[in-house]
Protein backbone atom coordinates (compact mmCIF):
# COMPACT_ATOMS: atom_id res chain seq x y z
CA UNK A 1 0.00 0.00 0.00
CA UNK A 2 2.85 2.40 0.81
CA UNK A 3 4.52 1.42 -2.45
CA UNK A 4 1.39 2.42 -4.48
CA UNK A 5 1.22 5.80 -2.74
CA UNK A 6 4.89 6.43 -3.48
CA UNK A 7 4.42 5.59 -7.18
CA UNK A 8 1.32 7.82 -7.43
CA UNK A 9 3.22 10.70 -5.83
CA UNK A 10 6.14 10.18 -8.22
CA UNK A 11 3.76 10.16 -11.22
CA UNK A 12 2.19 13.44 -10.10
CA UNK A 13 5.61 15.07 -9.67
CA UNK A 14 6.64 13.96 -13.16
CA UNK A 15 3.43 15.40 -14.64
CA UNK A 16 4.00 18.71 -12.83
CA UNK A 17 7.60 18.94 -14.07
CA UNK A 18 6.70 18.09 -17.68
CA UNK A 19 3.77 20.55 -17.64
CA UNK A 20 5.95 23.32 -16.23
CA UNK A 21 8.63 22.74 -18.88
CA UNK A 22 5.97 22.79 -21.60
CA UNK A 23 4.42 26.04 -20.33
CA UNK A 24 7.72 27.84 -19.78
CA UNK A 25 9.72 26.70 -22.81
CA UNK A 26 7.62 25.40 -25.67
CA UNK A 27 4.52 27.66 -25.61
CA UNK A 28 6.40 31.02 -25.56
CA UNK A 29 8.58 29.97 -28.53
CA UNK A 30 5.51 29.35 -30.64
CA UNK A 31 4.14 32.83 -29.89
CA UNK A 32 7.28 34.74 -30.96
CA UNK A 33 7.55 35.51 -34.67
CA UNK A 34 9.81 38.29 -35.92
CA UNK A 35 7.54 39.14 -38.86
CA UNK A 36 4.53 39.63 -36.59
CA UNK A 37 6.11 42.42 -34.54
CA UNK A 38 4.20 45.59 -35.28
CA UNK A 39 6.05 48.91 -35.30
CA UNK A 40 4.38 52.27 -34.88
CA UNK A 41 6.04 54.44 -37.53
CA UNK A 42 3.61 57.36 -37.45
CA UNK A 43 4.61 58.22 -33.88
CA UNK A 44 8.10 59.02 -35.17
CA UNK A 45 6.74 60.99 -38.13
CA UNK A 46 4.34 62.98 -35.96
CA UNK A 47 7.17 65.18 -34.69
CA UNK A 48 8.45 65.98 -38.19
CA UNK A 49 7.37 69.49 -39.32
CA UNK A 50 7.47 68.56 -43.03
CA UNK A 51 5.18 65.58 -42.41
CA UNK A 52 2.73 67.70 -40.41
CA UNK A 53 2.53 70.33 -43.13
CA UNK A 54 2.07 67.64 -45.80
CA UNK A 55 -0.83 66.15 -43.83
CA UNK A 56 -2.46 69.56 -43.30
CA UNK A 57 -2.18 70.55 -46.97
CA UNK A 58 -3.15 67.24 -48.64
CA UNK A 59 -6.11 64.90 -48.58
CA UNK A 60 -6.11 61.49 -50.23
CA UNK A 61 -3.98 58.38 -50.48
CA UNK A 62 -0.35 58.33 -51.58
CA UNK A 63 1.97 55.39 -52.18
CA UNK A 64 5.71 55.11 -52.74
CA UNK A 65 5.45 56.13 -56.39
CA UNK A 66 2.97 59.01 -55.97
CA UNK A 67 4.58 61.60 -53.74
CA UNK A 68 8.30 62.28 -53.53
CA UNK A 69 7.95 64.44 -50.38
CA UNK A 70 6.18 61.82 -48.31
CA UNK A 71 8.34 59.06 -49.76
CA UNK A 72 11.56 60.62 -48.46
CA UNK A 73 10.02 61.12 -45.02
CA UNK A 74 8.70 57.58 -44.67
CA UNK A 75 11.87 55.93 -46.04
CA UNK A 76 13.73 57.19 -42.97
CA UNK A 77 11.61 55.01 -40.68
CA UNK A 78 10.06 52.21 -42.76
CA UNK A 79 12.44 49.36 -43.68
CA UNK A 80 13.33 49.04 -47.36
CA UNK A 81 11.63 45.63 -47.73
CA UNK A 82 8.20 47.18 -47.02
CA UNK A 83 5.85 49.06 -49.31
CA UNK A 84 3.23 51.47 -48.04
CA UNK A 85 0.12 53.50 -48.70
CA UNK A 86 -0.53 56.59 -46.59
CA UNK A 87 -4.00 58.12 -46.46
CA UNK A 88 -4.84 61.54 -45.06
CA UNK A 89 -8.59 61.83 -44.38
CA UNK A 90 -9.29 59.08 -46.89
CA UNK A 91 -9.71 55.32 -46.86
CA UNK A 92 -7.63 52.91 -48.89
CA UNK A 93 -9.48 51.40 -51.81
CA UNK A 94 -6.85 49.04 -53.19
CA UNK A 95 -4.58 47.03 -50.94
CA UNK A 96 -2.50 43.99 -51.87
CA UNK A 97 -3.59 40.43 -51.15
CA UNK A 98 -1.15 40.02 -48.26
CA UNK A 99 -0.94 40.78 -44.55
CA UNK A 100 -1.32 44.57 -44.22
CA UNK A 101 -0.56 46.43 -40.99
CA UNK A 102 -2.35 49.72 -40.27
CA UNK A 103 -0.90 52.50 -38.15
CA UNK A 104 -3.31 55.36 -37.36
CA UNK A 105 -2.64 58.89 -36.13
CA UNK A 106 -5.17 61.61 -35.34
CA UNK A 107 -4.24 65.27 -35.88
CA UNK A 108 -6.34 67.88 -34.09
CA UNK A 109 -4.59 70.94 -35.51
CA UNK A 110 -2.32 73.49 -33.91
CA UNK A 111 -2.65 76.29 -31.35
CA UNK A 112 -4.27 78.78 -33.72
CA UNK A 113 -6.57 76.56 -35.79
CA UNK A 114 -8.45 73.31 -35.44
CA UNK A 115 -8.06 70.97 -38.39
CA UNK A 116 -9.07 67.39 -37.62
CA UNK A 117 -7.31 64.84 -39.80
CA UNK A 118 -6.92 61.10 -39.54
CA UNK A 119 -3.76 59.69 -41.09
CA UNK A 120 -3.48 55.98 -41.78
CA UNK A 121 -0.28 54.26 -42.81
CA UNK A 122 -0.88 50.88 -44.45
CA UNK A 123 2.34 48.91 -44.87
CA UNK A 124 3.18 45.37 -45.90
CA UNK A 125 6.17 43.13 -46.45
CA UNK A 126 7.41 42.80 -50.03
CA UNK A 127 8.64 39.31 -50.87
CA UNK A 128 11.76 39.60 -53.00
C-alpha cells in the first residue's frame, strides 16, 4: 500500500515537471515571430514638421510612387523591404492580397486653428 502511494506521488511530480517545462519553454517559442512584430512608424513621423505640413495641406492616399515628399520622409523610418500606402482623411481602396498592418494617427490641428485629420499608414512586407 505504501509502495502504491509512493508511485502515485512520483507520477504526479513527473506530470507537474513536464507541464511546467511545456508552459515555460515550448509555448512562448511558438508565440514569438519576428515578422509579426508591429512597429508604430507614425509616432516618429508625428514630430516631423514637413510631415505635419504635408498632412495639413493634402487629402487622399499616396503610395511610394505618388509623392516624392512623403516618400523621403517615410523611407527614414520604414524598412526598405516594405511598401506602403498613406491616407490623409481618406480610406484605402486598393490594398495587396497580403498581410497589411495599419498605423493610425489623429491630428487635431495646432494652437491657432483646429483641423481634424486622420492619417493611416498601411504597410506590408514585399517578398523579393
